Amino acid sequence: MGLEIHDEDFGQTLGVWGVPSGPYIMLPIIGPSNVRDLMSRPISSFLSGTFAMTDTDVKLALTALDALETRERYLDFEALITGDRYTFVKDAYIQSRDYEISDGLSDEDDFLEDLDDFLLED
């Protein structure tokens, strides 16, 4: 049909609409999140289509697979962790969500600006 695949969730939509993320929270089983994304999870789940399933076993299996896939996305971060684990996961999550919300577009890169200042001082 020519439709493009978009891996988006309602939390990203709220972020684009300007809803602030709120405080960062670490949830058991689910992992890192923020208030905006946590409150948008039921809507994203509803819109995913699993709400229409009438077979409870299938609905539970799909929900478990979704939770497993979410956890798997954050496993790549664990191999890179150095220093304080909590701070690293928090920073990685926040940067990842900001990247997803902006679709990879960024107005400025603080690291590169600081690096330019450092290199120009010499």
N, C-alpha and C. Protein backbone atom coordinates (compact mmCIF):
# COMPACT_ATOMS: atom_id res chain seq x y z
N MET A 1 0.82 -1.19 0.00
CA MET A 1 0.00 0.00 0.00
C MET A 1 0.86 1.26 0.00
N GLY A 2 2.18 1.11 0.19
CA GLY A 2 3.06 2.27 0.16
C GLY A 2 3.15 3.04 1.47
N LEU A 3 2.68 2.44 2.56
CA LEU A 3 2.74 3.12 3.85
C LEU A 3 4.13 2.94 4.47
N GLU A 4 4.63 4.00 5.09
CA GLU A 4 5.92 3.92 5.75
C GLU A 4 5.75 3.40 7.18
N ILE A 5 6.72 2.63 7.64
CA ILE A 5 6.70 2.12 9.00
C ILE A 5 7.32 3.17 9.92
N HIS A 6 6.63 3.48 11.00
CA HIS A 6 7.13 4.43 12.00
C HIS A 6 7.11 3.76 13.35
N ASP A 7 8.25 3.74 14.02
CA ASP A 7 8.33 3.18 15.36
C ASP A 7 8.19 4.33 16.35
N GLU A 8 6.96 4.71 16.59
CA GLU A 8 6.67 5.84 17.47
C GLU A 8 5.73 5.37 18.57
N ASP A 9 5.71 6.12 19.67
CA ASP A 9 4.76 5.85 20.73
C ASP A 9 4.11 7.16 21.16
N PHE A 10 3.10 7.07 22.01
CA PHE A 10 2.37 8.27 22.38
C PHE A 10 3.22 9.21 23.24
N GLY A 11 4.18 8.68 23.97
CA GLY A 11 5.10 9.52 24.74
C GLY A 11 5.90 10.43 23.83
N GLN A 12 6.33 9.91 22.69
CA GLN A 12 7.04 10.74 21.71
C GLN A 12 6.12 11.82 21.15
N THR A 13 4.88 11.46 20.88
CA THR A 13 3.92 12.43 20.38
C THR A 13 3.72 13.55 21.38
N LEU A 14 3.56 13.19 22.65
CA LEU A 14 3.41 14.22 23.68
C LEU A 14 4.65 15.10 23.77
N GLY A 15 5.82 14.50 23.60
CA GLY A 15 7.06 15.27 23.62
C GLY A 15 7.12 16.28 22.49
N VAL A 16 6.69 15.88 21.30
CA VAL A 16 6.65 16.78 20.15
C VAL A 16 5.65 17.91 20.40
N TRP A 17 4.56 17.59 21.09
CA TRP A 17 3.54 18.59 21.39
C TRP A 17 3.98 19.54 22.50
N GLY A 18 5.13 19.29 23.10
CA GLY A 18 5.66 20.20 24.11
C GLY A 18 5.35 19.82 25.55
N VAL A 19 4.79 18.64 25.77
CA VAL A 19 4.53 18.19 27.15
C VAL A 19 5.87 17.86 27.80
N PRO A 20 6.16 18.46 28.96
CA PRO A 20 7.45 18.19 29.61
C PRO A 20 7.54 16.74 30.08
N SER A 21 8.76 16.21 30.12
CA SER A 21 8.96 14.81 30.46
C SER A 21 8.71 14.52 31.93
N GLY A 22 8.93 15.48 32.79
CA GLY A 22 8.77 15.25 34.22
C GLY A 22 10.00 14.55 34.76
N PRO A 23 9.94 14.14 36.01
CA PRO A 23 11.12 13.51 36.62
C PRO A 23 11.40 12.12 36.05
N TYR A 24 12.66 11.77 36.07
CA TYR A 24 13.10 10.44 35.65
C TYR A 24 12.76 9.45 36.76
N ILE A 25 12.29 8.28 36.38
CA ILE A 25 11.99 7.23 37.36
C ILE A 25 12.49 5.89 36.83
N MET A 26 12.93 5.04 37.76
CA MET A 26 13.38 3.69 37.42
C MET A 26 12.35 2.73 38.00
N LEU A 27 11.70 1.98 37.13
CA LEU A 27 10.64 1.07 37.56
C LEU A 27 11.10 -0.38 37.51
N PRO A 28 10.74 -1.17 38.51
CA PRO A 28 11.07 -2.60 38.46
C PRO A 28 10.42 -3.24 37.22
N ILE A 29 11.11 -4.13 36.61
CA ILE A 29 10.69 -4.89 35.42
C ILE A 29 10.65 -4.00 34.18
N ILE A 30 9.98 -2.86 34.23
CA ILE A 30 9.84 -1.98 33.06
C ILE A 30 11.15 -1.27 32.76
N GLY A 31 11.86 -0.81 33.78
CA GLY A 31 13.13 -0.13 33.59
C GLY A 31 12.99 1.38 33.62
N PRO A 32 13.89 2.10 32.94
CA PRO A 32 13.88 3.56 33.00
C PRO A 32 12.68 4.16 32.28
N SER A 33 12.20 5.27 32.83
CA SER A 33 11.07 5.97 32.23
C SER A 33 11.03 7.38 32.80
N ASN A 34 10.02 8.12 32.41
CA ASN A 34 9.72 9.41 33.02
C ASN A 34 8.21 9.48 33.14
N VAL A 35 7.71 10.50 33.81
CA VAL A 35 6.27 10.58 34.08
C VAL A 35 5.47 10.65 32.79
N ARG A 36 5.93 11.46 31.83
CA ARG A 36 5.20 11.59 30.56
C ARG A 36 5.08 10.24 29.86
N ASP A 37 6.19 9.51 29.76
CA ASP A 37 6.17 8.22 29.07
C ASP A 37 5.37 7.17 29.85
N LEU A 38 5.45 7.22 31.17
CA LEU A 38 4.70 6.27 31.99
C LEU A 38 3.20 6.49 31.82
N MET A 39 2.76 7.74 31.82
CA MET A 39 1.33 8.04 31.66
C MET A 39 0.85 7.76 30.24
N SER A 40 1.75 7.77 29.27
CA SER A 40 1.34 7.52 27.89
C SER A 40 1.33 6.03 27.54
N ARG A 41 1.91 5.19 28.39
CA ARG A 41 1.97 3.75 28.10
C ARG A 41 0.60 3.12 27.85
N PRO A 42 -0.42 3.41 28.69
CA PRO A 42 -1.73 2.79 28.41
C PRO A 42 -2.29 3.19 27.06
N ILE A 43 -2.10 4.44 26.66
CA ILE A 43 -2.62 4.90 25.37
C ILE A 43 -1.85 4.23 24.23
N SER A 44 -0.52 4.15 24.37
CA SER A 44 0.28 3.47 23.35
C SER A 44 -0.12 2.01 23.24
N SER A 45 -0.37 1.38 24.38
CA SER A 45 -0.79 -0.02 24.39
C SER A 45 -2.15 -0.18 23.72
N PHE A 46 -3.06 0.74 24.02
CA PHE A 46 -4.39 0.70 23.42
C PHE A 46 -4.31 0.86 21.91
N LEU A 47 -3.47 1.79 21.47
CA LEU A 47 -3.35 2.05 20.03
C LEU A 47 -2.55 0.98 19.30
N SER A 48 -1.84 0.13 20.04
CA SER A 48 -1.04 -0.91 19.39
C SER A 48 -1.90 -2.01 18.78
N GLY A 49 -3.15 -2.09 19.18
CA GLY A 49 -4.05 -3.08 18.60
C GLY A 49 -4.30 -4.28 19.48
N THR A 50 -3.53 -4.45 20.55
CA THR A 50 -3.74 -5.62 21.40
C THR A 50 -5.05 -5.53 22.18
N PHE A 51 -5.62 -4.34 22.29
CA PHE A 51 -6.89 -4.18 23.01
C PHE A 51 -8.02 -4.93 22.31
N ALA A 52 -7.92 -5.14 21.01
CA ALA A 52 -8.97 -5.79 20.24
C ALA A 52 -8.92 -7.31 20.34
N MET A 53 -7.86 -7.83 20.92
CA MET A 53 -7.73 -9.28 21.05
C MET A 53 -8.74 -9.80 22.08
N THR A 54 -9.44 -10.83 21.71
CA THR A 54 -10.43 -11.40 22.63
C THR A 54 -9.86 -12.58 23.40
N ASP A 55 -8.84 -13.23 22.87
CA ASP A 55 -8.22 -14.36 23.54
C ASP A 55 -7.23 -13.85 24.59
N THR A 56 -7.50 -14.10 25.85
CA THR A 56 -6.68 -13.58 26.94
C THR A 56 -5.25 -14.08 26.86
N ASP A 57 -5.06 -15.36 26.49
CA ASP A 57 -3.71 -15.92 26.40
C ASP A 57 -2.88 -15.18 25.34
N VAL A 58 -3.49 -14.88 24.22
CA VAL A 58 -2.79 -14.17 23.15
C VAL A 58 -2.45 -12.75 23.61
N LYS A 59 -3.39 -12.09 24.27
CA LYS A 59 -3.18 -10.73 24.74
C LYS A 59 -2.04 -10.70 25.77
N LEU A 60 -2.02 -11.65 26.70
CA LEU A 60 -0.95 -11.72 27.69
C LEU A 60 0.40 -12.02 27.04
N ALA A 61 0.39 -12.92 26.06
CA ALA A 61 1.64 -13.25 25.37
C ALA A 61 2.19 -12.04 24.63
N LEU A 62 1.34 -11.29 23.95
CA LEU A 62 1.79 -10.10 23.23
C LEU A 62 2.28 -9.01 24.18
N THR A 63 1.61 -8.87 25.32
CA THR A 63 2.05 -7.89 26.31
C THR A 63 3.40 -8.28 26.88
N ALA A 64 3.59 -9.59 27.16
CA ALA A 64 4.88 -10.06 27.67
C ALA A 64 5.98 -9.88 26.63
N LEU A 65 5.68 -10.13 25.37
CA LEU A 65 6.67 -9.91 24.31
C LEU A 65 7.04 -8.44 24.19
N ASP A 66 6.06 -7.56 24.35
CA ASP A 66 6.33 -6.13 24.30
C ASP A 66 7.24 -5.71 25.45
N ALA A 67 6.98 -6.22 26.64
CA ALA A 67 7.83 -5.91 27.80
C ALA A 67 9.23 -6.47 27.59
N LEU A 68 9.33 -7.66 27.04
CA LEU A 68 10.63 -8.27 26.77
C LEU A 68 11.40 -7.47 25.72
N GLU A 69 10.72 -7.01 24.69
CA GLU A 69 11.36 -6.22 23.65
C GLU A 69 11.84 -4.88 24.21
N THR A 70 11.04 -4.28 25.08
CA THR A 70 11.45 -3.02 25.71
C THR A 70 12.70 -3.23 26.55
N ARG A 71 12.73 -4.30 27.31
CA ARG A 71 13.91 -4.61 28.13
C ARG A 71 15.13 -4.88 27.25
N GLU A 72 14.93 -5.55 26.14
CA GLU A 72 16.03 -5.89 25.23
C GLU A 72 16.67 -4.64 24.65
N ARG A 73 15.85 -3.61 24.40
CA ARG A 73 16.40 -2.36 23.85
C ARG A 73 17.43 -1.74 24.78
N TYR A 74 17.27 -1.95 26.08
CA TYR A 74 18.18 -1.34 27.05
C TYR A 74 19.36 -2.22 27.40
N LEU A 75 19.38 -3.46 26.93
CA LEU A 75 20.52 -4.35 27.21
C LEU A 75 21.79 -3.85 26.54
N ASP A 76 21.67 -3.22 25.38
CA ASP A 76 22.86 -2.69 24.70
C ASP A 76 23.57 -1.65 25.56
N PHE A 77 22.79 -0.90 26.34
CA PHE A 77 23.39 0.11 27.22
C PHE A 77 24.26 -0.53 28.29
N GLU A 78 23.84 -1.70 28.80
CA GLU A 78 24.53 -2.31 29.93
C GLU A 78 25.98 -2.67 29.62
N ALA A 79 26.26 -3.01 28.38
CA ALA A 79 27.64 -3.35 28.02
C ALA A 79 28.55 -2.13 28.03
N LEU A 80 27.97 -0.94 27.94
CA LEU A 80 28.74 0.30 27.88
C LEU A 80 28.89 0.99 29.24
N ILE A 81 28.24 0.47 30.25
CA ILE A 81 28.20 1.15 31.54
C ILE A 81 29.57 1.19 32.20
N THR A 82 29.97 2.41 32.54
CA THR A 82 31.18 2.60 33.34
C THR A 82 30.83 3.59 34.44
N GLY A 83 31.42 3.44 35.58
CA GLY A 83 31.14 4.35 36.69
C GLY A 83 29.81 4.05 37.34
N ASP A 84 29.13 5.11 37.74
CA ASP A 84 27.85 4.99 38.44
C ASP A 84 26.77 4.47 37.49
N ARG A 85 26.26 3.29 37.77
CA ARG A 85 25.29 2.62 36.91
C ARG A 85 24.00 3.43 36.77
N TYR A 86 23.46 3.92 37.88
CA TYR A 86 22.20 4.66 37.86
C TYR A 86 22.32 5.91 36.99
N THR A 87 23.37 6.69 37.18
CA THR A 87 23.57 7.92 36.42
C THR A 87 23.75 7.62 34.94
N PHE A 88 24.49 6.57 34.63
CA PHE A 88 24.71 6.21 33.23
C PHE A 88 23.40 5.84 32.55
N VAL A 89 22.61 4.97 33.19
CA VAL A 89 21.34 4.54 32.60
C VAL A 89 20.39 5.73 32.46
N LYS A 90 20.35 6.60 33.46
CA LYS A 90 19.50 7.79 33.41
C LYS A 90 19.89 8.67 32.23
N ASP A 91 21.17 9.00 32.11
CA ASP A 91 21.62 9.85 31.01
C ASP A 91 21.37 9.20 29.65
N ALA A 92 21.64 7.91 29.54
CA ALA A 92 21.43 7.21 28.27
C ALA A 92 19.95 7.20 27.90
N TYR A 93 19.08 6.98 28.88
CA TYR A 93 17.64 6.96 28.61
C TYR A 93 17.16 8.34 28.14
N ILE A 94 17.56 9.37 28.87
CA ILE A 94 17.10 10.73 28.54
C ILE A 94 17.60 11.12 27.15
N GLN A 95 18.87 10.84 26.84
CA GLN A 95 19.40 11.17 25.52
C GLN A 95 18.70 10.38 24.43
N SER A 96 18.42 9.11 24.69
CA SER A 96 17.75 8.26 23.71
C SER A 96 16.34 8.78 23.42
N ARG A 97 15.61 9.14 24.46
CA ARG A 97 14.25 9.64 24.27
C ARG A 97 14.26 10.98 23.54
N ASP A 98 15.18 11.86 23.90
CA ASP A 98 15.28 13.14 23.20
C ASP A 98 15.58 12.92 21.73
N TYR A 99 16.45 11.96 21.42
CA TYR A 99 16.79 11.64 20.05
C TYR A 99 15.57 11.11 19.30
N GLU A 100 14.80 10.21 19.95
CA GLU A 100 13.61 9.65 19.31
C GLU A 100 12.54 10.72 19.08
N ILE A 101 12.36 11.61 20.04
CA ILE A 101 11.35 12.66 19.92
C ILE A 101 11.70 13.62 18.79
N SER A 102 12.98 13.94 18.65
CA SER A 102 13.39 14.88 17.60
C SER A 102 13.66 14.18 16.27
N ASP A 103 13.41 12.87 16.19
CA ASP A 103 13.68 12.07 14.98
C ASP A 103 15.13 12.20 14.52
N GLY A 104 16.03 12.34 15.47
CA GLY A 104 17.44 12.40 15.17
C GLY A 104 17.96 13.77 14.78
N LEU A 105 17.07 14.74 14.76
CA LEU A 105 17.48 16.10 14.41
C LEU A 105 17.78 16.87 15.68
N SER A 106 18.88 17.59 15.68
CA SER A 106 19.27 18.35 16.85
C SER A 106 19.68 19.76 16.42
N ASP A 107 19.22 20.75 17.17
CA ASP A 107 19.57 22.13 16.86
C ASP A 107 21.01 22.44 17.24
N GLU A 108 21.46 21.87 18.34
CA GLU A 108 22.81 22.15 18.80
C GLU A 108 23.39 20.93 19.52
N ASP A 109 24.68 20.85 19.54
CA ASP A 109 25.36 19.77 20.22
C ASP A 109 26.33 20.40 21.22
N ASP A 110 25.96 20.36 22.50
CA ASP A 110 26.78 21.00 23.54
C ASP A 110 28.18 20.42 23.58
N PHE A 111 28.30 19.12 23.35
CA PHE A 111 29.62 18.49 23.41
C PHE A 111 30.54 19.06 22.34
N LEU A 112 30.03 19.16 21.12
CA LEU A 112 30.86 19.69 20.03
C LEU A 112 31.20 21.16 20.25
N GLU A 113 30.26 21.93 20.80
CA GLU A 113 30.54 23.33 21.09
C GLU A 113 31.64 23.45 22.14
N ASP A 114 31.56 22.63 23.19
CA ASP A 114 32.59 22.64 24.23
C ASP A 114 33.92 22.20 23.66
N LEU A 115 33.90 21.21 22.78
CA LEU A 115 35.13 20.71 22.17
C LEU A 115 35.76 21.79 21.29
N ASP A 116 34.93 22.50 20.53
CA ASP A 116 35.44 23.60 19.71
C ASP A 116 36.09 24.67 20.57
N ASP A 117 35.44 25.01 21.68
CA ASP A 117 36.02 26.01 22.59
C ASP A 117 37.35 25.54 23.14
N PHE A 118 37.44 24.27 23.48
CA PHE A 118 38.65 23.69 24.03
C PHE A 118 39.78 23.72 22.99
N LEU A 119 39.46 23.34 21.78
CA LEU A 119 40.48 23.29 20.73
C LEU A 119 40.92 24.69 20.29
N LEU A 120 40.02 25.65 20.33
CA LEU A 120 40.35 26.99 19.88
C LEU A 120 41.17 27.77 20.92
N GLU A 121 41.12 27.34 22.20
CA GLU A 121 41.85 28.03 23.24
C GLU A 121 43.36 27.84 23.08
N ASP A 122 43.79 26.72 22.52
CA ASP A 122 45.22 26.43 22.38
C ASP A 122 45.87 27.21 21.30
